Protein backbone atom coordinates (compact mmCIF):
# COMPACT_ATOMS: atom_id res chain seq x y z
CA MET A 1 0.00 0.00 0.00
CA LYS A 2 2.84 2.32 0.83
CA LYS A 3 4.51 1.58 -2.50
CA THR A 4 1.31 2.30 -4.34
CA SER A 5 0.98 5.76 -2.68
CA ILE A 6 4.56 6.66 -3.53
CA LEU A 7 4.02 5.63 -7.16
CA MET A 8 0.86 7.71 -7.53
CA ALA A 9 2.60 10.79 -6.06
CA ALA A 10 5.47 10.42 -8.50
CA LEU A 11 3.09 10.15 -11.47
CA ALA A 12 1.22 13.29 -10.37
CA PHE A 13 4.44 15.27 -10.05
CA SER A 14 5.57 14.21 -13.51
CA ALA A 15 2.20 15.22 -14.95
CA GLY A 16 2.56 18.70 -13.44
CA LEU A 17 6.00 19.05 -14.98
CA PHE A 18 4.63 18.03 -18.34
CA ALA A 19 2.02 20.89 -18.22
CA GLN A 20 4.75 23.55 -17.82
CA THR A 21 6.67 22.79 -21.02
CA PRO A 22 9.11 25.41 -22.45
CA ASP A 23 7.10 25.62 -25.69
CA SER A 24 3.96 26.81 -23.97
CA LEU A 25 5.90 29.36 -21.90
CA LEU A 26 7.49 30.83 -25.06
CA ARG A 27 4.10 31.11 -26.74
CA ARG A 28 2.66 33.15 -23.89
CA GLN A 29 5.65 35.52 -24.00
CA LEU A 30 5.11 36.13 -27.73
CA GLU A 31 1.47 36.97 -27.12
CA LEU A 32 2.50 39.43 -24.42
CA GLU A 33 4.84 41.20 -26.88
CA ARG A 34 2.08 41.52 -29.46
CA ASP A 35 -0.02 43.48 -26.96
CA PHE A 36 2.54 46.37 -27.05
CA ASN A 37 2.75 46.68 -30.85
CA PRO A 38 0.02 49.48 -31.18
CA SER A 39 1.93 51.85 -28.91
CA LEU A 40 5.05 51.39 -30.97
CA LEU A 41 3.14 52.20 -34.15
CA ASP A 42 1.76 55.43 -32.61
CA ALA A 43 5.28 56.56 -31.76
CA ASP A 44 6.33 56.03 -35.37
CA LYS A 45 3.41 58.20 -36.57
CA ILE A 46 4.50 61.10 -34.34
CA ASN A 47 8.09 61.04 -35.56
CA SER A 48 7.21 60.82 -39.27
CA LEU A 49 6.36 63.85 -41.53
CA PRO A 50 3.52 63.96 -44.07
CA ALA A 51 4.39 63.76 -47.71
CA LEU A 52 4.52 67.15 -49.52
CA ARG A 53 3.63 67.79 -53.13
CA GLU A 54 6.56 69.23 -55.02
CA PRO A 55 5.42 71.89 -57.55
CA VAL A 56 6.74 71.88 -61.06
CA VAL A 57 8.78 75.05 -61.72
CA GLN A 58 8.75 76.28 -65.28
CA LYS A 59 11.29 78.76 -66.58
CA ALA A 60 9.74 82.13 -67.46
CA ASN A 61 10.18 83.66 -70.87
CA THR A 62 12.08 86.97 -70.46
CA ASN A 63 12.51 89.42 -73.33
CA TYR A 64 15.09 92.19 -72.98
CA SER A 65 14.87 95.57 -74.69
CA THR A 66 17.42 96.38 -77.37
CA TRP A 67 17.46 100.12 -76.53
CA ALA A 68 17.69 102.32 -73.40
CA GLY A 69 16.75 105.91 -72.54
CA ARG A 70 17.78 108.53 -69.99
CA THR A 71 15.70 108.37 -66.81
CA THR A 72 15.93 110.31 -63.57
CA PRO A 73 14.40 108.30 -60.74
CA PRO A 74 12.97 110.06 -57.69
CA LEU A 75 15.25 110.73 -54.77
CA GLU A 76 13.54 108.04 -52.71
CA ILE A 77 14.57 105.44 -55.29
CA ALA A 78 18.00 106.81 -56.18
CA LEU A 79 19.15 107.25 -52.57
CA PRO A 80 17.12 104.93 -50.38
CA ARG A 81 17.65 105.36 -46.68
CA PRO A 82 17.03 102.48 -44.29
CA ALA A 83 14.04 102.73 -41.94
CA ASP A 84 12.66 105.87 -43.69
CA ILE A 85 10.51 104.57 -46.53
CA MET A 86 6.82 104.35 -45.47
CA THR A 87 7.73 104.86 -41.82
CA GLU A 88 7.72 108.66 -41.50
CA ILE A 89 4.92 110.34 -39.54
CA PRO A 90 2.93 112.68 -41.86
CA TYR A 91 3.24 115.70 -39.53
CA SER A 92 6.06 117.51 -37.83
CA LEU A 93 7.18 116.27 -34.43
CA LYS A 94 8.95 119.55 -33.66
CA LYS A 95 7.27 121.77 -31.11
CA GLY A 96 8.49 125.08 -32.48
CA TYR A 97 9.55 126.92 -35.61
CA LEU A 98 11.43 130.12 -36.43
CA SER A 99 11.75 131.79 -39.82
CA PHE A 100 13.12 135.12 -41.00
CA GLN A 101 13.41 136.73 -44.45
CA ALA A 102 14.88 140.06 -45.56
CA GLY A 103 14.88 141.96 -48.84
CA ASN A 104 15.44 145.33 -50.43
CA TYR A 105 13.64 148.42 -49.15
CA ALA A 106 14.37 146.98 -45.68
CA ASN A 107 11.60 144.41 -46.05
CA LEU A 108 11.63 142.11 -43.03
CA ASP A 109 9.34 139.14 -42.46
CA GLY A 110 9.63 136.87 -39.43
CA ALA A 111 7.55 134.19 -37.75
CA PHE A 112 7.93 132.31 -34.48
CA GLY A 113 5.75 129.59 -33.01
CA TYR A 114 5.93 127.14 -30.15
CA ARG A 115 3.53 124.51 -28.81
CA PHE A 116 3.72 124.49 -25.03
CA VAL A 117 1.19 121.69 -24.55
CA GLU A 118 0.41 119.06 -27.15
CA GLN A 119 -1.72 116.22 -25.87
CA ALA A 120 -4.64 114.20 -27.11
CA LYS A 121 -7.19 116.54 -25.49
CA HIS A 122 -5.21 119.72 -24.70
CA ASN A 123 -3.27 121.99 -27.04
CA LEU A 124 -1.64 125.31 -26.10
CA ALA A 125 0.44 127.25 -28.65
CA PHE A 126 1.98 130.71 -29.05
CA THR A 127 2.74 132.50 -32.33
CA PHE A 128 4.41 135.81 -33.14
CA LEU A 129 4.45 137.45 -36.59
CA HIS A 130 6.51 140.44 -37.74
CA ASN A 131 6.25 142.34 -41.01
CA SER A 132 7.97 145.65 -41.72
CA THR A 133 9.42 147.86 -44.45
CA ASN A 134 11.35 151.13 -44.35
CA GLY A 135 12.64 152.18 -47.77
CA ASP A 136 12.91 155.21 -50.00
CA ILE A 137 10.77 155.15 -53.14
CA ASN A 138 10.94 157.36 -56.23
CA TYR A 139 7.80 158.56 -57.98
CA VAL A 140 7.31 157.80 -61.66
CA GLN A 141 5.53 161.11 -62.24
CA ASP A 142 7.27 164.46 -61.89
CA SER A 143 6.85 165.66 -58.34
CA ASP A 144 8.46 167.88 -55.76
CA PRO A 145 9.83 166.15 -53.78
CA ALA A 146 10.68 163.37 -56.24
CA GLY A 147 10.48 160.60 -53.64
CA ASN A 148 9.34 159.62 -50.18
CA THR A 149 9.89 157.05 -47.45
CA ALA A 150 7.46 154.16 -47.08
CA TYR A 151 7.29 152.87 -43.54
CA LEU A 152 5.13 150.24 -41.89
CA MET A 153 5.53 147.64 -39.16
CA ASP A 154 3.05 145.02 -37.92
CA ASN A 155 3.64 142.91 -34.81
CA LEU A 156 1.07 140.27 -33.90
CA GLY A 157 1.23 137.94 -30.91
CA LYS A 158 -1.35 135.20 -30.32
CA LEU A 159 -1.93 132.60 -27.61
CA ALA A 160 -4.34 129.81 -28.59
CA TYR A 161 -5.79 126.95 -26.55
CA ARG A 162 -7.94 124.01 -27.68
CA TYR A 163 -9.70 121.36 -25.63
CA ASP A 164 -10.96 118.22 -27.37
CA ALA A 165 -13.70 116.66 -25.27
CA ASP A 166 -15.60 113.50 -26.04
CA ALA A 167 -18.61 115.34 -27.47
CA MET A 168 -17.35 118.86 -28.32
CA LEU A 169 -14.41 121.11 -29.23
CA PHE A 170 -13.55 124.23 -27.21
CA ASP A 171 -11.28 126.99 -28.61
CA MET A 172 -9.88 130.09 -26.95
CA GLU A 173 -7.59 132.73 -28.48
CA VAL A 174 -6.04 135.94 -27.15
CA SER A 175 -4.04 138.23 -29.44
CA TYR A 176 -2.70 141.76 -29.73
CA LEU A 177 -1.80 143.68 -32.89
CA HIS A 178 0.57 146.68 -32.80
CA ALA A 179 0.72 148.41 -36.20
CA LEU A 180 2.72 151.50 -37.21
CA PHE A 181 2.70 153.16 -40.64
CA ASN A 182 3.02 156.53 -42.34
CA TYR A 183 0.80 158.19 -44.93
CA TYR A 184 3.15 158.45 -47.91
CA GLY A 185 2.54 159.02 -51.59
CA ASN A 186 2.59 161.51 -54.42
CA THR A 187 0.51 164.60 -53.71
CA PHE A 188 0.14 165.53 -57.42
CA GLY A 189 0.19 169.16 -56.34
CA HIS A 190 -2.74 168.86 -53.91
CA GLU A 191 -2.85 169.37 -50.18
CA ARG A 192 -3.48 166.21 -48.18
CA TYR A 193 -4.95 165.59 -44.76
CA PHE A 194 -1.87 163.60 -43.76
CA ASP A 195 1.64 164.24 -45.05
CA ASN A 196 4.06 161.53 -43.87
CA GLU A 197 2.56 161.48 -40.37
CA ASN A 198 3.08 158.23 -38.46
CA GLN A 199 -0.15 156.52 -37.45
CA ARG A 200 -0.54 153.84 -34.78
CA LEU A 201 -3.19 151.13 -34.42
CA GLY A 202 -3.57 148.77 -31.48
CA VAL A 203 -6.10 145.92 -31.47
CA PHE A 204 -6.71 143.54 -28.57
CA ASN A 205 -8.78 140.49 -29.51
CA ALA A 206 -10.27 137.65 -27.46
CA ARG A 207 -12.27 134.79 -28.93
CA LEU A 208 -14.19 131.81 -27.51
CA GLY A 209 -15.56 129.00 -29.65
CA LEU A 210 -17.62 125.89 -28.96
CA GLN A 211 -18.61 123.17 -31.44
CA SER A 212 -20.16 119.74 -31.02
CA LYS A 213 -18.83 116.63 -32.68
CA GLU A 214 -20.69 115.69 -35.85
CA SER A 215 -23.48 113.19 -35.15
CA ASP A 216 -26.92 112.16 -36.38
CA ARG A 217 -28.53 113.99 -33.46
CA LEU A 218 -28.78 117.74 -32.82
CA ASN A 219 -25.50 119.55 -33.62
CA TYR A 220 -24.60 122.95 -32.19
CA ARG A 221 -21.85 125.56 -32.54
CA GLY A 222 -21.18 129.03 -31.24
CA SER A 223 -18.50 131.68 -30.94
CA LEU A 224 -17.90 135.01 -29.22
CA ASP A 225 -15.34 137.43 -30.67
CA PHE A 226 -14.44 140.69 -28.89
CA SER A 227 -12.01 143.39 -30.07
CA ASN A 228 -10.84 146.64 -28.51
CA PHE A 229 -9.07 149.10 -30.82
CA SER A 230 -7.48 152.54 -30.63
CA THR A 231 -5.44 154.86 -32.89
CA LYS A 232 -2.97 157.72 -32.42
CA PHE A 233 -5.17 160.26 -34.16
CA GLY A 234 -8.49 160.20 -35.97
CA TYR A 235 -9.63 161.22 -39.44
CA THR A 236 -7.74 164.52 -39.04
CA LEU A 237 -4.58 165.48 -37.20
CA ASN A 238 -6.52 167.68 -34.81
CA GLY A 239 -9.36 165.21 -34.40
CA GLU A 240 -9.80 162.87 -31.47
CA PRO A 241 -8.35 159.34 -31.73
CA ILE A 242 -10.63 156.56 -32.88
CA ARG A 243 -11.41 154.15 -30.07
CA GLY A 244 -14.09 151.54 -29.68
CA ASN A 245 -15.18 147.98 -29.09
CA GLN A 246 -16.39 145.41 -31.59
CA LEU A 247 -18.43 142.31 -30.75
CA ASN A 248 -19.33 139.42 -33.04
CA ALA A 249 -21.47 136.61 -31.57
CA MET A 250 -22.67 133.57 -33.53
CA ALA A 251 -24.79 130.51 -32.74
CA GLY A 252 -26.05 127.71 -34.96
CA PHE A 253 -28.00 124.46 -34.78
CA ASP A 254 -28.70 121.72 -37.30
CA LYS A 255 -30.55 118.38 -37.24
CA PRO A 256 -29.68 115.62 -39.76
CA PHE A 257 -32.45 113.54 -41.30
CA ARG A 258 -32.30 110.52 -43.63
CA ASP A 259 -28.47 110.59 -43.35
CA ILE A 260 -25.73 112.67 -41.74
CA ASN A 261 -25.12 114.72 -44.93
CA THR A 262 -28.73 115.87 -45.27
CA LYS A 263 -29.80 118.30 -42.58
CA ILE A 264 -31.92 121.31 -41.73
CA GLY A 265 -30.61 124.10 -39.54
CA ILE A 266 -30.39 127.77 -38.66
CA ASP A 267 -27.49 130.16 -38.02
CA GLY A 268 -27.76 133.43 -36.16
CA SER A 269 -25.24 136.22 -35.63
CA LEU A 270 -24.99 139.55 -33.84
CA PHE A 271 -22.38 142.07 -35.00
CA THR A 272 -21.98 145.46 -33.36
CA THR A 273 -19.39 148.22 -33.02
CA PHE A 274 -19.44 150.91 -30.32
CA TYR A 275 -17.27 153.99 -30.82
CA GLN A 276 -16.09 156.45 -28.23
CA GLY A 277 -16.74 160.03 -29.19
CA ASP A 278 -18.87 161.53 -31.92
CA PHE A 279 -19.13 158.50 -34.24
CA ASP A 280 -22.16 156.48 -35.32
CA ASN A 281 -22.41 153.04 -33.75
CA TYR A 282 -23.20 149.99 -35.85
CA PHE A 283 -25.59 147.08 -35.24
CA LEU A 284 -26.41 144.07 -37.45
CA LEU A 285 -28.63 141.08 -36.62
CA ASN A 286 -28.77 138.12 -39.01
CA ALA A 287 -30.92 134.96 -39.02
CA SER A 288 -30.16 132.35 -41.68
CA PRO A 289 -32.37 129.24 -41.96
CA TYR A 290 -31.24 126.63 -44.48
CA ILE A 291 -31.57 123.07 -45.70
CA ARG A 292 -28.62 121.05 -46.94
CA PHE A 293 -28.53 118.05 -49.25
CA GLY A 294 -25.30 116.12 -49.54
CA GLU A 295 -23.95 113.02 -51.23
CA LEU A 296 -20.53 111.54 -51.81
CA ASN A 297 -19.30 114.13 -54.33
CA ARG A 298 -22.03 116.77 -54.44
CA SER A 299 -23.85 119.04 -52.02
CA ALA A 300 -26.35 121.89 -52.05
CA ARG A 301 -27.07 124.37 -49.26
CA LEU A 302 -30.25 126.40 -49.84
CA GLY A 303 -31.00 129.23 -47.43
CA VAL A 304 -31.77 132.91 -46.95
CA ASN A 305 -30.36 135.71 -44.78
CA VAL A 306 -32.86 137.83 -42.87
CA LEU A 307 -30.92 140.97 -41.86
CA PHE A 308 -31.70 143.86 -39.53
CA GLN A 309 -29.19 146.73 -39.73
CA ASP A 310 -29.02 149.86 -37.60
CA ALA A 311 -26.39 152.40 -38.69
CA ASP A 312 -27.55 155.87 -39.72
CA LYS A 313 -31.06 154.38 -40.03
CA MET A 314 -32.88 151.04 -39.68
CA ARG A 315 -32.81 148.68 -42.68
CA ILE A 316 -34.34 145.23 -43.23
CA ARG A 317 -33.18 142.97 -46.03
CA VAL A 318 -33.81 139.39 -47.17
CA ALA A 319 -30.96 138.00 -49.27
CA PRO A 320 -30.09 134.56 -50.70
CA ASN A 321 -27.52 132.30 -49.07
CA VAL A 322 -26.87 129.43 -51.49
CA LYS A 323 -23.82 127.17 -51.83
CA LEU A 324 -23.54 124.51 -54.55
CA HIS A 325 -20.74 121.98 -55.04
CA TRP A 326 -20.32 119.26 -57.63
CA GLY A 327 -17.23 117.07 -57.79
CA LEU A 328 -16.56 115.95 -61.34
CA THR A 329 -13.39 113.95 -60.64
CA ASP A 330 -10.99 113.48 -57.76
CA HIS A 331 -9.23 116.74 -58.64
CA THR A 332 -11.93 118.74 -60.47
CA SER A 333 -14.94 120.43 -58.88
CA LEU A 334 -17.55 122.99 -59.80
CA TYR A 335 -19.02 125.25 -57.15
CA ALA A 336 -21.17 128.36 -56.90
CA ASN A 337 -21.81 130.70 -53.95
CA ILE A 338 -24.68 133.18 -53.99
CA LEU A 339 -24.55 135.38 -50.89
CA GLY A 340 -26.28 138.67 -50.25
CA GLY A 341 -26.37 141.08 -47.35
CA PHE A 342 -24.73 144.25 -46.04
CA GLN A 343 -21.11 145.38 -46.17
CA ASN A 344 -20.39 146.39 -42.60
CA ASN A 345 -17.67 148.98 -43.36
CA THR A 346 -16.73 149.38 -39.72
CA PHE A 347 -13.39 150.92 -38.80
CA LEU A 348 -11.58 147.61 -38.29
CA GLU A 349 -12.95 146.10 -41.50
CA MET A 350 -11.82 149.12 -43.52
CA MET A 351 -8.37 148.92 -41.91
CA ASN A 352 -8.16 145.25 -42.90
CA GLU A 353 -8.91 146.14 -46.52
CA SER A 354 -6.57 149.15 -46.66
CA ARG A 355 -4.82 151.02 -43.90
CA TYR A 356 -4.64 154.15 -46.08
CA PHE A 357 -8.37 154.81 -46.32
């Protein structure tokens, strides 16, 4: 019985060894390796590049000219400078300028300007202008004396400020003009009121302006211009000097309809001059309703001026105020302005036209 048990145990052990043969173990290892093949293929896809289509390049046919001419290229092409072509800012970055010219007859012309503040919303600038002459002239006609000295000098200083708000523009200017000149010219044998006397004119001016940004709603604008003037002597040497104040006030409103270029509006102005002494004052009131039609290259402003003038007597006048514009091409336009009213002929306006009135 003992021998039989030992024999059965030995057979069972040999059967277990037979189940674990080397061939079966190798087969399981090969199956395990096949499980990792997909990951290896993915790695190969990442490292490989897609195939690109190579274009076919054909040689171009080039014909050369058998003759040549003289050409002068622009300076930008002949002498190109690095970092300058199409990179320059289209306005001056300098804050100030100074110019001066001189010629015969002691003609002098100078200008000076400087921008103290230059920001996106604030701008403050100062300008000074000088113009003078002091030369001897000879008359073409026979005269005694045969010549004279022409003398004049204008000095103008101006301080201007602008504020650019989100919805409007505000302007303010203060200036003073100091003008000197003499009454020269051929007498032609007649006695004149002035004979080479030196006259002086001083004008102080202050201006305020307000204007809304253009929109499809109600637009407004207005200005107030005040001037104080005085001279050395009046219309005669023994007469009193000419002194006075001039005021010009303006206000306007317009309302677009259909589009921003088509609008209806009204402008009003008040112009008056008050003199010191025995001179007639001047008063002018103007109301100008209008309608404006506008397109891309054409516009028409149709309106009238209703004027009330008080000088030596009261006058009322209705005059046309028409402006037409028609753009034919980019550089060619036709326009017509029909404007009626009164010529103010105040002292300052006559001095602006001719100082020798």
